[in-house]
């Protein structure tokens, strides 16, 4: 019931910038937190950045000084501005949302299909 579509991935050289966007679509759920996960080959999925509906943000230590997450609640959009990209940022990036609970269903986590980000010279 929640569909996520990520855009903005691609190939970028080290030190470059990239902005990811995610559009969330749902007719019966209210969205609570939104964020971005990533998974590199051979590694576990990790949370990159999270933003609450109220605007509080959290970042994994490796991206704190370089990435900025933001959201547009009216449009159910979340963005990730990535600056000073490093080869170790290479991964599939997944949009993430957590819905508020309803009378018939508890809070649920959703991930989008992912978009590839490759940082290479």
N, C-alpha and C. Protein backbone atom coordinates (compact mmCIF):
# COMPACT_ATOMS: atom_id res chain seq x y z
N UNK A 1 0.82 -1.23 0.00
CA UNK A 1 0.00 0.00 0.00
C UNK A 1 0.84 1.27 0.00
N UNK A 2 2.14 1.13 0.19
CA UNK A 2 3.06 2.26 0.12
C UNK A 2 4.04 1.99 -1.00
N UNK A 3 4.12 2.91 -1.92
CA UNK A 3 5.05 2.80 -3.04
C UNK A 3 6.07 3.91 -2.96
N UNK A 4 7.33 3.56 -3.17
CA UNK A 4 8.42 4.51 -3.11
C UNK A 4 9.18 4.46 -4.42
N UNK A 5 9.49 5.62 -4.94
CA UNK A 5 10.24 5.72 -6.19
C UNK A 5 11.42 6.65 -5.97
N UNK A 6 12.63 6.11 -6.14
CA UNK A 6 13.85 6.89 -5.98
C UNK A 6 14.35 7.36 -7.33
N UNK A 7 14.89 8.56 -7.35
CA UNK A 7 15.53 9.09 -8.54
C UNK A 7 16.80 9.82 -8.13
N UNK A 8 17.69 10.00 -9.07
CA UNK A 8 18.88 10.80 -8.84
C UNK A 8 20.18 10.03 -8.74
N UNK A 9 20.12 8.72 -8.73
CA UNK A 9 21.34 7.95 -8.67
C UNK A 9 22.12 8.04 -9.96
N UNK A 10 23.36 7.60 -9.90
CA UNK A 10 24.19 7.62 -11.09
C UNK A 10 25.66 7.51 -10.76
N UNK A 11 26.46 7.83 -11.75
CA UNK A 11 27.91 7.78 -11.62
C UNK A 11 28.45 9.17 -11.39
N UNK A 12 29.30 9.30 -10.39
CA UNK A 12 29.89 10.59 -10.07
C UNK A 12 31.34 10.37 -9.65
N UNK A 13 32.19 11.34 -9.92
CA UNK A 13 33.58 11.22 -9.53
C UNK A 13 33.79 11.60 -8.08
N UNK A 14 34.85 11.10 -7.46
CA UNK A 14 35.13 11.47 -6.07
C UNK A 14 35.18 12.98 -5.90
N UNK A 15 34.59 13.45 -4.81
CA UNK A 15 34.51 14.87 -4.55
C UNK A 15 33.29 15.54 -5.14
N UNK A 16 32.58 14.83 -5.97
CA UNK A 16 31.40 15.38 -6.61
C UNK A 16 30.18 15.35 -5.72
N UNK A 17 29.07 15.79 -6.29
CA UNK A 17 27.81 15.87 -5.56
C UNK A 17 26.70 15.17 -6.33
N UNK A 18 25.72 14.73 -5.59
CA UNK A 18 24.57 14.06 -6.16
C UNK A 18 23.39 14.27 -5.22
N UNK A 19 22.21 14.42 -5.78
CA UNK A 19 21.02 14.56 -4.97
C UNK A 19 20.02 13.47 -5.30
N UNK A 20 19.60 12.76 -4.28
CA UNK A 20 18.60 11.73 -4.42
C UNK A 20 17.24 12.26 -4.00
N UNK A 21 16.21 11.83 -4.70
CA UNK A 21 14.85 12.20 -4.37
C UNK A 21 14.00 10.95 -4.26
N UNK A 22 13.02 11.00 -3.41
CA UNK A 22 12.11 9.88 -3.24
C UNK A 22 10.69 10.40 -3.08
N UNK A 23 9.80 9.84 -3.88
CA UNK A 23 8.39 10.17 -3.80
C UNK A 23 7.65 8.99 -3.19
N UNK A 24 6.94 9.25 -2.12
CA UNK A 24 6.15 8.23 -1.45
C UNK A 24 4.69 8.39 -1.81
N UNK A 25 4.06 7.28 -2.11
CA UNK A 25 2.65 7.29 -2.49
C UNK A 25 1.89 6.31 -1.62
N UNK A 26 0.88 6.81 -0.95
CA UNK A 26 0.03 5.96 -0.13
C UNK A 26 -1.33 6.61 0.03
N UNK A 27 -2.35 5.80 0.00
CA UNK A 27 -3.71 6.31 0.12
C UNK A 27 -4.33 6.08 1.48
N UNK A 28 -3.78 5.15 2.25
CA UNK A 28 -4.42 4.79 3.50
C UNK A 28 -3.52 4.88 4.73
N UNK A 29 -2.28 5.30 4.55
CA UNK A 29 -1.36 5.41 5.67
C UNK A 29 -0.82 6.82 5.81
N UNK A 30 -0.54 7.20 7.03
CA UNK A 30 0.17 8.43 7.32
C UNK A 30 1.64 8.11 7.52
N UNK A 31 2.50 8.92 6.94
CA UNK A 31 3.92 8.68 7.00
C UNK A 31 4.53 9.36 8.21
N UNK A 32 5.30 8.60 8.96
CA UNK A 32 6.00 9.13 10.12
C UNK A 32 7.42 9.52 9.70
N UNK A 33 8.37 8.64 9.93
CA UNK A 33 9.76 8.93 9.58
C UNK A 33 10.04 8.61 8.12
N UNK A 34 11.00 9.30 7.56
CA UNK A 34 11.49 9.04 6.21
C UNK A 34 13.01 9.05 6.26
N UNK A 35 13.62 8.34 5.34
CA UNK A 35 15.06 8.32 5.36
C UNK A 35 15.66 7.59 4.19
N UNK A 36 16.94 7.32 4.32
CA UNK A 36 17.70 6.65 3.29
C UNK A 36 18.59 5.58 3.91
N UNK A 37 18.54 4.41 3.35
CA UNK A 37 19.45 3.33 3.66
C UNK A 37 20.34 3.10 2.45
N UNK A 38 21.42 2.38 2.68
CA UNK A 38 22.25 1.97 1.56
C UNK A 38 22.86 0.61 1.84
N UNK A 39 23.20 -0.08 0.78
CA UNK A 39 23.82 -1.39 0.89
C UNK A 39 24.88 -1.54 -0.18
N UNK A 40 26.10 -1.73 0.25
CA UNK A 40 27.20 -1.97 -0.66
C UNK A 40 27.39 -3.48 -0.83
N UNK A 41 28.01 -3.90 -1.92
CA UNK A 41 28.23 -5.34 -2.13
C UNK A 41 28.98 -5.97 -0.97
N UNK A 42 28.46 -7.08 -0.47
CA UNK A 42 29.10 -7.79 0.61
C UNK A 42 28.90 -7.20 1.98
N UNK A 43 28.13 -6.14 2.08
CA UNK A 43 27.89 -5.49 3.36
C UNK A 43 26.40 -5.49 3.70
N UNK A 44 26.12 -5.30 4.97
CA UNK A 44 24.74 -5.22 5.41
C UNK A 44 24.16 -3.85 5.08
N UNK A 45 22.86 -3.83 4.98
CA UNK A 45 22.17 -2.56 4.79
C UNK A 45 22.39 -1.67 6.01
N UNK A 46 22.67 -0.41 5.79
CA UNK A 46 22.88 0.52 6.88
C UNK A 46 22.02 1.76 6.69
N UNK A 47 21.62 2.32 7.80
CA UNK A 47 20.88 3.57 7.77
C UNK A 47 21.85 4.71 7.51
N UNK A 48 21.56 5.50 6.50
CA UNK A 48 22.40 6.64 6.15
C UNK A 48 21.90 7.90 6.84
N UNK A 49 20.63 8.16 6.71
CA UNK A 49 20.05 9.37 7.29
C UNK A 49 18.57 9.15 7.54
N UNK A 50 18.07 9.80 8.55
CA UNK A 50 16.66 9.69 8.93
C UNK A 50 16.15 11.06 9.30
N UNK A 51 14.92 11.33 8.95
CA UNK A 51 14.29 12.59 9.32
C UNK A 51 12.87 12.32 9.77
N UNK A 52 12.52 12.89 10.91
CA UNK A 52 11.17 12.73 11.43
C UNK A 52 10.25 13.74 10.77
N UNK A 53 8.96 13.55 11.00
CA UNK A 53 7.99 14.48 10.44
C UNK A 53 8.20 15.88 10.99
N UNK A 54 8.71 15.97 12.21
CA UNK A 54 8.98 17.25 12.82
C UNK A 54 10.29 17.88 12.39
N UNK A 55 11.10 17.17 11.62
CA UNK A 55 12.32 17.73 11.09
C UNK A 55 13.60 17.35 11.80
N UNK A 56 13.52 16.53 12.84
CA UNK A 56 14.73 16.07 13.50
C UNK A 56 15.47 15.10 12.60
N UNK A 57 16.79 15.20 12.57
CA UNK A 57 17.59 14.38 11.66
C UNK A 57 18.65 13.59 12.40
N UNK A 58 19.02 12.47 11.81
CA UNK A 58 20.11 11.65 12.29
C UNK A 58 20.89 11.14 11.09
N UNK A 59 22.20 11.06 11.24
CA UNK A 59 23.07 10.59 10.18
C UNK A 59 24.04 9.57 10.72
N UNK A 60 24.42 8.63 9.89
CA UNK A 60 25.52 7.76 10.25
C UNK A 60 26.79 8.60 10.26
N UNK A 61 27.73 8.24 11.12
CA UNK A 61 28.91 9.07 11.34
C UNK A 61 29.69 9.35 10.06
N UNK A 62 29.75 8.40 9.17
CA UNK A 62 30.57 8.54 7.99
C UNK A 62 30.07 9.60 7.00
N UNK A 63 28.83 10.05 7.15
CA UNK A 63 28.28 11.02 6.21
C UNK A 63 27.86 12.33 6.85
N UNK A 64 28.01 12.45 8.14
CA UNK A 64 27.47 13.61 8.88
C UNK A 64 27.90 14.96 8.31
N UNK A 65 29.14 15.08 7.94
CA UNK A 65 29.66 16.36 7.47
C UNK A 65 29.42 16.59 5.99
N UNK A 66 28.84 15.61 5.30
CA UNK A 66 28.77 15.68 3.85
C UNK A 66 27.37 15.57 3.28
N UNK A 67 26.47 14.88 3.97
CA UNK A 67 25.12 14.64 3.45
C UNK A 67 24.10 15.46 4.22
N UNK A 68 23.03 15.82 3.54
CA UNK A 68 21.93 16.54 4.17
C UNK A 68 20.61 15.94 3.74
N UNK A 69 19.81 15.55 4.70
CA UNK A 69 18.50 15.00 4.41
C UNK A 69 17.44 16.07 4.66
N UNK A 70 16.42 16.07 3.83
CA UNK A 70 15.31 17.01 3.98
C UNK A 70 14.04 16.35 3.48
N UNK A 71 12.91 16.95 3.80
CA UNK A 71 11.64 16.38 3.36
C UNK A 71 10.61 17.47 3.13
N UNK A 72 9.63 17.12 2.33
CA UNK A 72 8.49 17.98 2.06
C UNK A 72 7.26 17.18 2.47
N UNK A 73 6.72 17.49 3.61
CA UNK A 73 5.60 16.71 4.13
C UNK A 73 4.36 16.81 3.26
N UNK A 74 4.12 17.96 2.68
CA UNK A 74 2.94 18.14 1.85
C UNK A 74 2.98 17.26 0.61
N UNK A 75 4.18 17.01 0.10
CA UNK A 75 4.34 16.22 -1.11
C UNK A 75 4.79 14.80 -0.84
N UNK A 76 5.01 14.45 0.41
CA UNK A 76 5.53 13.14 0.77
C UNK A 76 6.83 12.84 0.01
N UNK A 77 7.71 13.81 0.02
CA UNK A 77 9.00 13.68 -0.64
C UNK A 77 10.13 13.75 0.39
N UNK A 78 11.16 12.99 0.15
CA UNK A 78 12.37 13.06 0.96
C UNK A 78 13.56 13.14 0.02
N UNK A 79 14.56 13.90 0.44
CA UNK A 79 15.72 14.16 -0.40
C UNK A 79 17.00 13.88 0.37
N UNK A 80 18.03 13.57 -0.37
CA UNK A 80 19.35 13.40 0.22
C UNK A 80 20.37 14.09 -0.66
N UNK A 81 20.88 15.21 -0.17
CA UNK A 81 21.94 15.92 -0.86
C UNK A 81 23.27 15.35 -0.41
N UNK A 82 24.03 14.83 -1.34
CA UNK A 82 25.30 14.19 -1.04
C UNK A 82 26.42 15.00 -1.66
N UNK A 83 27.29 15.50 -0.82
CA UNK A 83 28.44 16.28 -1.25
C UNK A 83 29.73 15.57 -0.87
N UNK A 84 30.81 15.99 -1.51
CA UNK A 84 32.13 15.43 -1.23
C UNK A 84 32.10 13.91 -1.24
N UNK A 85 31.53 13.36 -2.27
CA UNK A 85 31.34 11.92 -2.34
C UNK A 85 32.67 11.18 -2.41
N UNK A 86 32.70 10.03 -1.77
CA UNK A 86 33.87 9.18 -1.70
C UNK A 86 33.56 7.83 -2.33
N UNK A 87 34.58 7.11 -2.79
CA UNK A 87 34.34 5.78 -3.35
C UNK A 87 33.59 4.86 -2.39
N UNK A 88 33.83 4.99 -1.10
CA UNK A 88 33.15 4.15 -0.14
C UNK A 88 31.66 4.46 0.01
N UNK A 89 31.20 5.54 -0.61
CA UNK A 89 29.77 5.83 -0.65
C UNK A 89 29.05 5.01 -1.71
N UNK A 90 29.79 4.32 -2.54
CA UNK A 90 29.19 3.51 -3.59
C UNK A 90 28.30 2.43 -2.98
N UNK A 91 27.06 2.42 -3.41
CA UNK A 91 26.08 1.48 -2.87
C UNK A 91 24.76 1.66 -3.60
N UNK A 92 23.86 0.75 -3.34
CA UNK A 92 22.47 0.95 -3.73
C UNK A 92 21.79 1.70 -2.59
N UNK A 93 21.17 2.80 -2.91
CA UNK A 93 20.51 3.62 -1.92
C UNK A 93 19.01 3.39 -1.98
N UNK A 94 18.42 3.16 -0.82
CA UNK A 94 17.01 2.84 -0.72
C UNK A 94 16.26 3.90 0.07
N UNK A 95 15.21 4.39 -0.50
CA UNK A 95 14.31 5.26 0.23
C UNK A 95 13.57 4.45 1.30
N UNK A 96 13.34 5.08 2.42
CA UNK A 96 12.71 4.40 3.55
C UNK A 96 11.60 5.27 4.13
N UNK A 97 10.49 4.64 4.46
CA UNK A 97 9.43 5.32 5.20
C UNK A 97 8.90 4.39 6.28
N UNK A 98 8.45 4.99 7.34
CA UNK A 98 7.75 4.26 8.38
C UNK A 98 6.39 4.91 8.55
N UNK A 99 5.36 4.10 8.46
CA UNK A 99 4.01 4.62 8.56
C UNK A 99 3.54 4.64 10.00
N UNK A 100 2.65 5.56 10.28
CA UNK A 100 1.96 5.54 11.56
C UNK A 100 1.04 4.34 11.63
N UNK A 101 0.81 3.87 12.82
CA UNK A 101 -0.10 2.76 13.00
C UNK A 101 -1.54 3.16 12.77
N UNK A 102 -2.35 2.18 12.45
CA UNK A 102 -3.78 2.36 12.31
C UNK A 102 -4.47 1.45 13.30
N UNK A 103 -5.80 1.51 13.29
CA UNK A 103 -6.53 0.64 14.21
C UNK A 103 -6.37 -0.83 13.82
N UNK A 104 -6.06 -1.07 12.55
CA UNK A 104 -5.98 -2.43 12.04
C UNK A 104 -4.57 -2.89 11.72
N UNK A 105 -3.59 -2.02 11.81
CA UNK A 105 -2.21 -2.38 11.50
C UNK A 105 -1.24 -1.51 12.29
N UNK A 106 -0.19 -2.14 12.81
CA UNK A 106 0.85 -1.40 13.51
C UNK A 106 1.74 -0.66 12.52
N UNK A 107 2.66 0.13 13.06
CA UNK A 107 3.62 0.83 12.21
C UNK A 107 4.38 -0.17 11.33
N UNK A 108 4.62 0.21 10.09
CA UNK A 108 5.27 -0.67 9.12
C UNK A 108 6.39 0.07 8.41
N UNK A 109 7.50 -0.63 8.20
CA UNK A 109 8.63 -0.08 7.47
C UNK A 109 8.54 -0.47 6.00
N UNK A 110 8.90 0.46 5.13
CA UNK A 110 8.91 0.22 3.69
C UNK A 110 10.21 0.73 3.10
N UNK A 111 10.70 0.02 2.10
CA UNK A 111 11.87 0.45 1.33
C UNK A 111 11.53 0.45 -0.14
N UNK A 112 12.10 1.39 -0.85
CA UNK A 112 11.92 1.47 -2.28
C UNK A 112 12.79 0.46 -3.00
N UNK A 113 12.71 0.43 -4.32
CA UNK A 113 13.49 -0.54 -5.11
C UNK A 113 14.98 -0.25 -5.15
N UNK A 114 15.37 0.96 -4.82
CA UNK A 114 16.78 1.31 -4.77
C UNK A 114 17.26 2.01 -6.02
N UNK A 115 18.28 2.82 -5.85
CA UNK A 115 18.94 3.48 -6.96
C UNK A 115 20.44 3.39 -6.75
N UNK A 116 21.16 3.07 -7.80
CA UNK A 116 22.60 2.85 -7.71
C UNK A 116 23.35 4.17 -7.69
N UNK A 117 24.24 4.30 -6.73
CA UNK A 117 25.17 5.42 -6.67
C UNK A 117 26.58 4.86 -6.76
N UNK A 118 27.31 5.28 -7.76
CA UNK A 118 28.67 4.82 -7.96
C UNK A 118 29.61 6.01 -7.96
N UNK A 119 30.58 5.98 -7.08
CA UNK A 119 31.57 7.05 -6.97
C UNK A 119 32.91 6.48 -7.42
N UNK A 120 33.36 6.93 -8.56
CA UNK A 120 34.57 6.38 -9.14
C UNK A 120 35.19 7.38 -10.09
N UNK A 121 36.52 7.36 -10.16
CA UNK A 121 37.23 8.19 -11.10
C UNK A 121 37.53 7.45 -12.39
